[in-house]
Amino acid sequence: MSSEEVSQQSLRALVPFFEFRWGHPLVPYTDRESQEHRGDYQAISNAGAPFNLECKAERKYTGNLFVESWSNRTIGRKGWLENAN
């Protein structure tokens, strides 16, 4: 399974879960700048506060929480942790 297929499969499970959990639809960021500085989605907490959400997935379950510090280290592109506003 390709990384894109893993990502799409995980989003089919995660998006409905998050929308149910917070009671609001996730709004995807579609422009590259927003994705680099905010993440994949804007979500609304149960208290009504907006926040940004980045979704990543692995092929194999590890039980780990991953925070992206590098997007592409070989070319020096920092990840979401460093770029998020």
Protein backbone atom coordinates (compact mmCIF):
# COMPACT_ATOMS: atom_id res chain seq x y z
CA MET A 1 0.00 0.00 0.00
CA SER A 2 1.42 3.42 -0.96
CA SER A 3 1.81 6.25 1.56
CA GLU A 4 -1.03 8.12 -0.17
CA GLU A 5 -3.32 5.09 0.20
CA VAL A 6 -2.38 4.78 3.89
CA SER A 7 -3.16 8.47 4.36
CA GLN A 8 -6.54 8.25 2.62
CA GLN A 9 -7.49 5.10 4.52
CA SER A 10 -6.62 6.71 7.85
CA LEU A 11 -8.56 9.89 7.02
CA ARG A 12 -11.67 7.83 6.23
CA ALA A 13 -11.52 6.60 9.83
CA LEU A 14 -10.17 9.67 11.63
CA VAL A 15 -12.30 12.47 10.16
CA PRO A 16 -15.66 10.95 11.17
CA PHE A 17 -14.24 10.10 14.60
CA PHE A 18 -13.04 13.67 15.20
CA GLU A 19 -16.27 15.18 13.87
CA PHE A 20 -18.29 12.95 16.20
CA ARG A 21 -15.97 13.66 19.15
CA TRP A 22 -16.08 17.45 18.77
CA GLY A 23 -19.56 17.74 17.27
CA HIS A 24 -18.44 19.96 14.40
CA PRO A 25 -17.28 19.27 10.84
CA LEU A 26 -13.58 19.55 10.12
CA VAL A 27 -12.82 22.23 7.54
CA PRO A 28 -9.91 21.26 5.28
CA TYR A 29 -7.25 23.79 4.40
CA THR A 30 -6.82 23.62 0.66
CA ASP A 31 -4.06 26.14 -0.05
CA ARG A 32 -0.41 25.21 0.41
CA GLU A 33 0.44 28.12 2.73
CA SER A 34 -2.34 27.23 5.18
CA GLN A 35 -1.32 23.58 5.10
CA GLU A 36 2.31 24.50 5.84
CA HIS A 37 1.49 26.88 8.70
CA ARG A 38 -1.76 25.53 10.09
CA GLY A 39 -2.11 21.85 9.18
CA ASP A 40 -4.71 19.81 7.34
CA TYR A 41 -7.91 20.97 9.03
CA GLN A 42 -9.47 23.60 11.21
CA ALA A 43 -11.46 21.97 13.99
CA ILE A 44 -13.75 23.36 16.68
CA SER A 45 -13.41 22.11 20.25
CA ASN A 46 -16.36 21.19 22.45
CA ALA A 47 -15.93 24.60 24.10
CA GLY A 48 -16.26 26.29 20.68
CA ALA A 49 -12.60 27.28 20.29
CA PRO A 50 -11.04 26.80 16.83
CA PHE A 51 -7.76 24.93 16.54
CA ASN A 52 -5.61 23.45 13.79
CA LEU A 53 -5.23 19.74 13.19
CA GLU A 54 -2.56 17.87 11.23
CA CYS A 55 -3.28 14.20 10.44
CA LYS A 56 -0.51 11.69 9.83
CA ALA A 57 -0.65 7.91 9.61
CA GLU A 58 1.73 4.98 9.70
CA ARG A 59 1.35 1.66 7.89
CA LYS A 60 2.05 -0.27 11.09
CA TYR A 61 0.43 0.45 14.46
CA THR A 62 3.01 1.59 16.99
CA GLY A 63 0.91 3.29 19.67
CA ASN A 64 3.13 6.36 19.33
CA LEU A 65 2.11 9.98 18.97
CA PHE A 66 4.08 11.65 16.21
CA VAL A 67 4.74 15.37 15.93
CA GLU A 68 6.38 16.32 12.63
CA SER A 69 9.58 18.26 13.28
CA TRP A 70 10.95 17.78 9.76
CA SER A 71 8.97 17.62 6.54
CA ASN A 72 12.02 16.90 4.41
CA ARG A 73 15.25 17.01 6.38
CA THR A 74 17.53 16.36 3.40
CA ILE A 75 16.53 19.70 1.84
CA GLY A 76 16.09 21.50 5.18
CA ARG A 77 12.28 21.84 5.14
CA LYS A 78 11.03 22.09 8.71
CA GLY A 79 7.87 20.24 9.67
CA TRP A 80 4.50 21.23 11.03
CA LEU A 81 5.78 21.59 14.62
CA GLU A 82 8.15 24.37 13.56
CA ASN A 83 5.89 26.00 10.94
CA ALA A 84 2.54 26.02 12.74
CA ASN A 85 1.22 29.42 13.73
